[in-house]
Amino acid sequence: MGINELIEEQTKIKRPILTPEEQEIIEKKIIDSYTSESEILLTYFEDGRLLTCYMTVVNMNSLKRSITCTDPYHNKIKINFKDIIHIQ
């Protein structure tokens, strides 16, 4: 393991835990983005990091509790509801 990998491992964080109220607000904003096809600023947890990006929700899968989004460059990304930390 090199120095860069060691530093990367040491800077990882645990997934933040949201209250039920925060989860409800996030779910409403996801539905709003999906139905209006509007862009949102989404913060999500991935591999020990919080990532933030402007995205548009293009699909919702309530059985798998996930969404599919596109970023401004039209790249698709699938995110689990449990990994979404904040939406503006």
N, C-alpha and C. Protein backbone atom coordinates (compact mmCIF):
# COMPACT_ATOMS: atom_id res chain seq x y z
N MET A 1 0.85 -1.17 0.00
CA MET A 1 0.00 0.00 0.00
C MET A 1 0.90 1.24 0.00
N GLY A 2 0.68 2.12 -0.97
CA GLY A 2 1.46 3.34 -1.07
C GLY A 2 0.95 4.42 -0.14
N ILE A 3 1.69 5.52 -0.09
CA ILE A 3 1.34 6.63 0.79
C ILE A 3 -0.01 7.24 0.40
N ASN A 4 -0.29 7.34 -0.91
CA ASN A 4 -1.57 7.91 -1.35
C ASN A 4 -2.75 7.05 -0.89
N GLU A 5 -2.61 5.74 -1.01
CA GLU A 5 -3.67 4.84 -0.57
C GLU A 5 -3.86 4.92 0.94
N LEU A 6 -2.77 5.04 1.67
CA LEU A 6 -2.84 5.14 3.12
C LEU A 6 -3.57 6.42 3.55
N ILE A 7 -3.23 7.52 2.92
CA ILE A 7 -3.89 8.80 3.22
C ILE A 7 -5.37 8.71 2.86
N GLU A 8 -5.67 8.11 1.71
CA GLU A 8 -7.05 7.97 1.28
C GLU A 8 -7.86 7.15 2.29
N GLU A 9 -7.31 6.07 2.79
CA GLU A 9 -7.99 5.24 3.77
C GLU A 9 -8.22 5.99 5.09
N GLN A 10 -7.27 6.82 5.48
CA GLN A 10 -7.37 7.54 6.75
C GLN A 10 -8.38 8.68 6.70
N THR A 11 -8.70 9.17 5.51
CA THR A 11 -9.63 10.30 5.40
C THR A 11 -11.07 9.86 5.19
N LYS A 12 -11.31 8.56 5.10
CA LYS A 12 -12.68 8.07 4.92
C LYS A 12 -13.50 8.32 6.18
N ILE A 13 -14.80 8.54 5.96
CA ILE A 13 -15.72 8.78 7.07
C ILE A 13 -16.80 7.70 7.08
N LYS A 14 -17.56 7.63 8.17
CA LYS A 14 -18.70 6.72 8.25
C LYS A 14 -19.91 7.40 7.64
N ARG A 15 -20.85 6.58 7.15
CA ARG A 15 -22.07 7.11 6.56
C ARG A 15 -22.85 7.86 7.65
N PRO A 16 -23.22 9.12 7.39
CA PRO A 16 -24.03 9.87 8.35
C PRO A 16 -25.41 9.22 8.53
N ILE A 17 -25.94 9.31 9.72
CA ILE A 17 -27.26 8.76 10.02
C ILE A 17 -28.26 9.91 10.02
N LEU A 18 -29.33 9.76 9.23
CA LEU A 18 -30.35 10.79 9.12
C LEU A 18 -31.55 10.45 10.00
N THR A 19 -32.23 11.49 10.46
CA THR A 19 -33.47 11.29 11.21
C THR A 19 -34.58 10.93 10.23
N PRO A 20 -35.67 10.35 10.72
CA PRO A 20 -36.80 10.06 9.83
C PRO A 20 -37.34 11.32 9.14
N GLU A 21 -37.31 12.45 9.83
CA GLU A 21 -37.77 13.71 9.24
C GLU A 21 -36.87 14.13 8.08
N GLU A 22 -35.57 14.00 8.26
CA GLU A 22 -34.63 14.35 7.19
C GLU A 22 -34.83 13.42 5.99
N GLN A 23 -35.05 12.15 6.25
CA GLN A 23 -35.29 11.19 5.17
C GLN A 23 -36.57 11.53 4.41
N GLU A 24 -37.60 11.94 5.11
CA GLU A 24 -38.86 12.31 4.48
C GLU A 24 -38.69 13.54 3.59
N ILE A 25 -37.96 14.52 4.06
CA ILE A 25 -37.70 15.73 3.27
C ILE A 25 -36.94 15.37 2.00
N ILE A 26 -35.93 14.52 2.12
CA ILE A 26 -35.14 14.10 0.97
C ILE A 26 -36.02 13.36 -0.03
N GLU A 27 -36.87 12.46 0.44
CA GLU A 27 -37.74 11.70 -0.46
C GLU A 27 -38.70 12.62 -1.21
N LYS A 28 -39.24 13.64 -0.54
CA LYS A 28 -40.13 14.60 -1.21
C LYS A 28 -39.38 15.37 -2.29
N LYS A 29 -38.14 15.77 -2.00
CA LYS A 29 -37.35 16.51 -2.99
C LYS A 29 -36.99 15.63 -4.18
N ILE A 30 -36.76 14.35 -3.93
CA ILE A 30 -36.49 13.41 -5.02
C ILE A 30 -37.70 13.31 -5.93
N ILE A 31 -38.87 13.15 -5.33
CA ILE A 31 -40.11 13.05 -6.12
C ILE A 31 -40.34 14.33 -6.91
N ASP A 32 -40.12 15.49 -6.28
CA ASP A 32 -40.27 16.77 -6.98
C ASP A 32 -39.33 16.86 -8.18
N SER A 33 -38.08 16.48 -7.99
CA SER A 33 -37.12 16.53 -9.08
C SER A 33 -37.53 15.59 -10.21
N TYR A 34 -37.99 14.42 -9.84
CA TYR A 34 -38.39 13.42 -10.84
C TYR A 34 -39.61 13.89 -11.64
N THR A 35 -40.63 14.39 -10.95
CA THR A 35 -41.86 14.78 -11.65
C THR A 35 -41.69 16.06 -12.47
N SER A 36 -40.85 16.96 -12.01
CA SER A 36 -40.66 18.23 -12.73
C SER A 36 -39.44 18.22 -13.64
N GLU A 37 -38.68 17.12 -13.60
CA GLU A 37 -37.44 17.00 -14.38
C GLU A 37 -36.49 18.17 -14.10
N SER A 38 -36.46 18.59 -12.84
CA SER A 38 -35.61 19.72 -12.46
C SER A 38 -34.31 19.23 -11.82
N GLU A 39 -33.31 20.06 -11.94
CA GLU A 39 -31.99 19.74 -11.41
C GLU A 39 -31.94 20.03 -9.91
N ILE A 40 -31.24 19.17 -9.18
CA ILE A 40 -31.06 19.34 -7.74
C ILE A 40 -29.57 19.23 -7.42
N LEU A 41 -29.19 19.82 -6.30
CA LEU A 41 -27.83 19.65 -5.80
C LEU A 41 -27.88 18.53 -4.77
N LEU A 42 -27.29 17.40 -5.12
CA LEU A 42 -27.42 16.18 -4.33
C LEU A 42 -26.10 15.82 -3.68
N THR A 43 -26.13 15.57 -2.38
CA THR A 43 -24.95 15.10 -1.65
C THR A 43 -25.21 13.66 -1.25
N TYR A 44 -24.28 12.78 -1.61
CA TYR A 44 -24.45 11.36 -1.30
C TYR A 44 -23.14 10.76 -0.81
N PHE A 45 -23.29 9.63 -0.12
CA PHE A 45 -22.16 8.93 0.48
C PHE A 45 -21.71 7.82 -0.47
N GLU A 46 -20.40 7.78 -0.72
CA GLU A 46 -19.84 6.72 -1.55
C GLU A 46 -18.42 6.42 -1.11
N ASP A 47 -18.18 5.18 -0.74
CA ASP A 47 -16.84 4.70 -0.41
C ASP A 47 -16.11 5.58 0.61
N GLY A 48 -16.82 5.95 1.67
CA GLY A 48 -16.19 6.71 2.74
C GLY A 48 -16.07 8.21 2.50
N ARG A 49 -16.76 8.70 1.48
CA ARG A 49 -16.69 10.12 1.15
C ARG A 49 -18.08 10.68 0.88
N LEU A 50 -18.24 11.98 1.09
CA LEU A 50 -19.46 12.67 0.70
C LEU A 50 -19.19 13.38 -0.61
N LEU A 51 -19.99 13.07 -1.61
CA LEU A 51 -19.85 13.67 -2.93
C LEU A 51 -21.07 14.54 -3.20
N THR A 52 -20.85 15.69 -3.84
CA THR A 52 -21.94 16.61 -4.16
C THR A 52 -21.89 16.95 -5.64
N CYS A 53 -23.06 16.88 -6.28
CA CYS A 53 -23.13 17.13 -7.72
C CYS A 53 -24.54 17.58 -8.09
N TYR A 54 -24.64 18.43 -9.12
CA TYR A 54 -25.95 18.77 -9.67
C TYR A 54 -26.42 17.59 -10.50
N MET A 55 -27.67 17.15 -10.25
CA MET A 55 -28.21 15.99 -10.95
C MET A 55 -29.70 16.17 -11.18
N THR A 56 -30.20 15.39 -12.13
CA THR A 56 -31.63 15.31 -12.39
C THR A 56 -32.06 13.87 -12.21
N VAL A 57 -33.11 13.65 -11.43
CA VAL A 57 -33.61 12.29 -11.20
C VAL A 57 -34.38 11.86 -12.45
N VAL A 58 -33.96 10.74 -13.06
CA VAL A 58 -34.61 10.25 -14.28
C VAL A 58 -35.38 8.95 -14.06
N ASN A 59 -35.14 8.29 -12.93
CA ASN A 59 -35.85 7.05 -12.63
C ASN A 59 -35.84 6.81 -11.12
N MET A 60 -36.94 6.25 -10.63
CA MET A 60 -37.03 5.89 -9.22
C MET A 60 -37.44 4.42 -9.14
N ASN A 61 -36.78 3.66 -8.28
CA ASN A 61 -37.11 2.26 -8.07
C ASN A 61 -37.42 2.08 -6.59
N SER A 62 -38.70 2.10 -6.26
CA SER A 62 -39.08 2.02 -4.84
C SER A 62 -38.83 0.64 -4.25
N LEU A 63 -38.84 -0.41 -5.07
CA LEU A 63 -38.55 -1.75 -4.55
C LEU A 63 -37.09 -1.88 -4.12
N LYS A 64 -36.19 -1.36 -4.95
CA LYS A 64 -34.76 -1.42 -4.62
C LYS A 64 -34.32 -0.21 -3.80
N ARG A 65 -35.26 0.73 -3.58
CA ARG A 65 -34.98 1.97 -2.85
C ARG A 65 -33.76 2.69 -3.42
N SER A 66 -33.84 2.93 -4.74
CA SER A 66 -32.74 3.61 -5.41
C SER A 66 -33.30 4.57 -6.46
N ILE A 67 -32.44 5.48 -6.88
CA ILE A 67 -32.78 6.40 -7.96
C ILE A 67 -31.68 6.36 -9.00
N THR A 68 -32.05 6.71 -10.22
CA THR A 68 -31.07 6.89 -11.28
C THR A 68 -31.09 8.36 -11.65
N CYS A 69 -29.91 8.97 -11.71
CA CYS A 69 -29.79 10.39 -12.00
C CYS A 69 -28.86 10.59 -13.20
N THR A 70 -28.98 11.75 -13.81
CA THR A 70 -28.00 12.16 -14.81
C THR A 70 -27.35 13.44 -14.32
N ASP A 71 -26.05 13.54 -14.56
CA ASP A 71 -25.33 14.75 -14.18
C ASP A 71 -25.36 15.72 -15.37
N PRO A 72 -24.79 16.92 -15.24
CA PRO A 72 -24.82 17.89 -16.34
C PRO A 72 -24.15 17.39 -17.63
N TYR A 73 -23.33 16.36 -17.53
CA TYR A 73 -22.65 15.81 -18.70
C TYR A 73 -23.38 14.58 -19.25
N HIS A 74 -24.59 14.34 -18.74
CA HIS A 74 -25.47 13.23 -19.15
C HIS A 74 -24.92 11.86 -18.78
N ASN A 75 -24.06 11.80 -17.77
CA ASN A 75 -23.61 10.51 -17.23
C ASN A 75 -24.69 10.03 -16.26
N LYS A 76 -25.02 8.74 -16.35
CA LYS A 76 -26.02 8.18 -15.44
C LYS A 76 -25.33 7.60 -14.21
N ILE A 77 -25.97 7.78 -13.07
CA ILE A 77 -25.47 7.22 -11.82
C ILE A 77 -26.66 6.70 -11.02
N LYS A 78 -26.48 5.53 -10.43
CA LYS A 78 -27.52 4.92 -9.60
C LYS A 78 -27.11 5.12 -8.14
N ILE A 79 -28.04 5.63 -7.33
CA ILE A 79 -27.75 5.92 -5.93
C ILE A 79 -28.84 5.30 -5.06
N ASN A 80 -28.43 4.61 -4.02
CA ASN A 80 -29.39 4.07 -3.05
C ASN A 80 -29.91 5.19 -2.17
N PHE A 81 -31.19 5.12 -1.79
CA PHE A 81 -31.77 6.13 -0.91
C PHE A 81 -30.95 6.30 0.35
N LYS A 82 -30.46 5.20 0.91
CA LYS A 82 -29.73 5.27 2.18
C LYS A 82 -28.43 6.06 2.06
N ASP A 83 -27.92 6.23 0.83
CA ASP A 83 -26.67 6.96 0.62
C ASP A 83 -26.88 8.46 0.39
N ILE A 84 -28.12 8.88 0.20
CA ILE A 84 -28.40 10.30 -0.04
C ILE A 84 -28.41 11.02 1.31
N ILE A 85 -27.58 12.03 1.41
CA ILE A 85 -27.39 12.74 2.68
C ILE A 85 -28.12 14.09 2.70
N HIS A 86 -28.15 14.77 1.55
CA HIS A 86 -28.74 16.11 1.51
C HIS A 86 -29.12 16.46 0.07
N ILE A 87 -30.20 17.24 -0.05
CA ILE A 87 -30.63 17.74 -1.36
C ILE A 87 -30.99 19.20 -1.22
N GLN A 88 -30.54 20.00 -2.20
CA GLN A 88 -30.94 21.41 -2.26
C GLN A 88 -31.64 21.65 -3.57
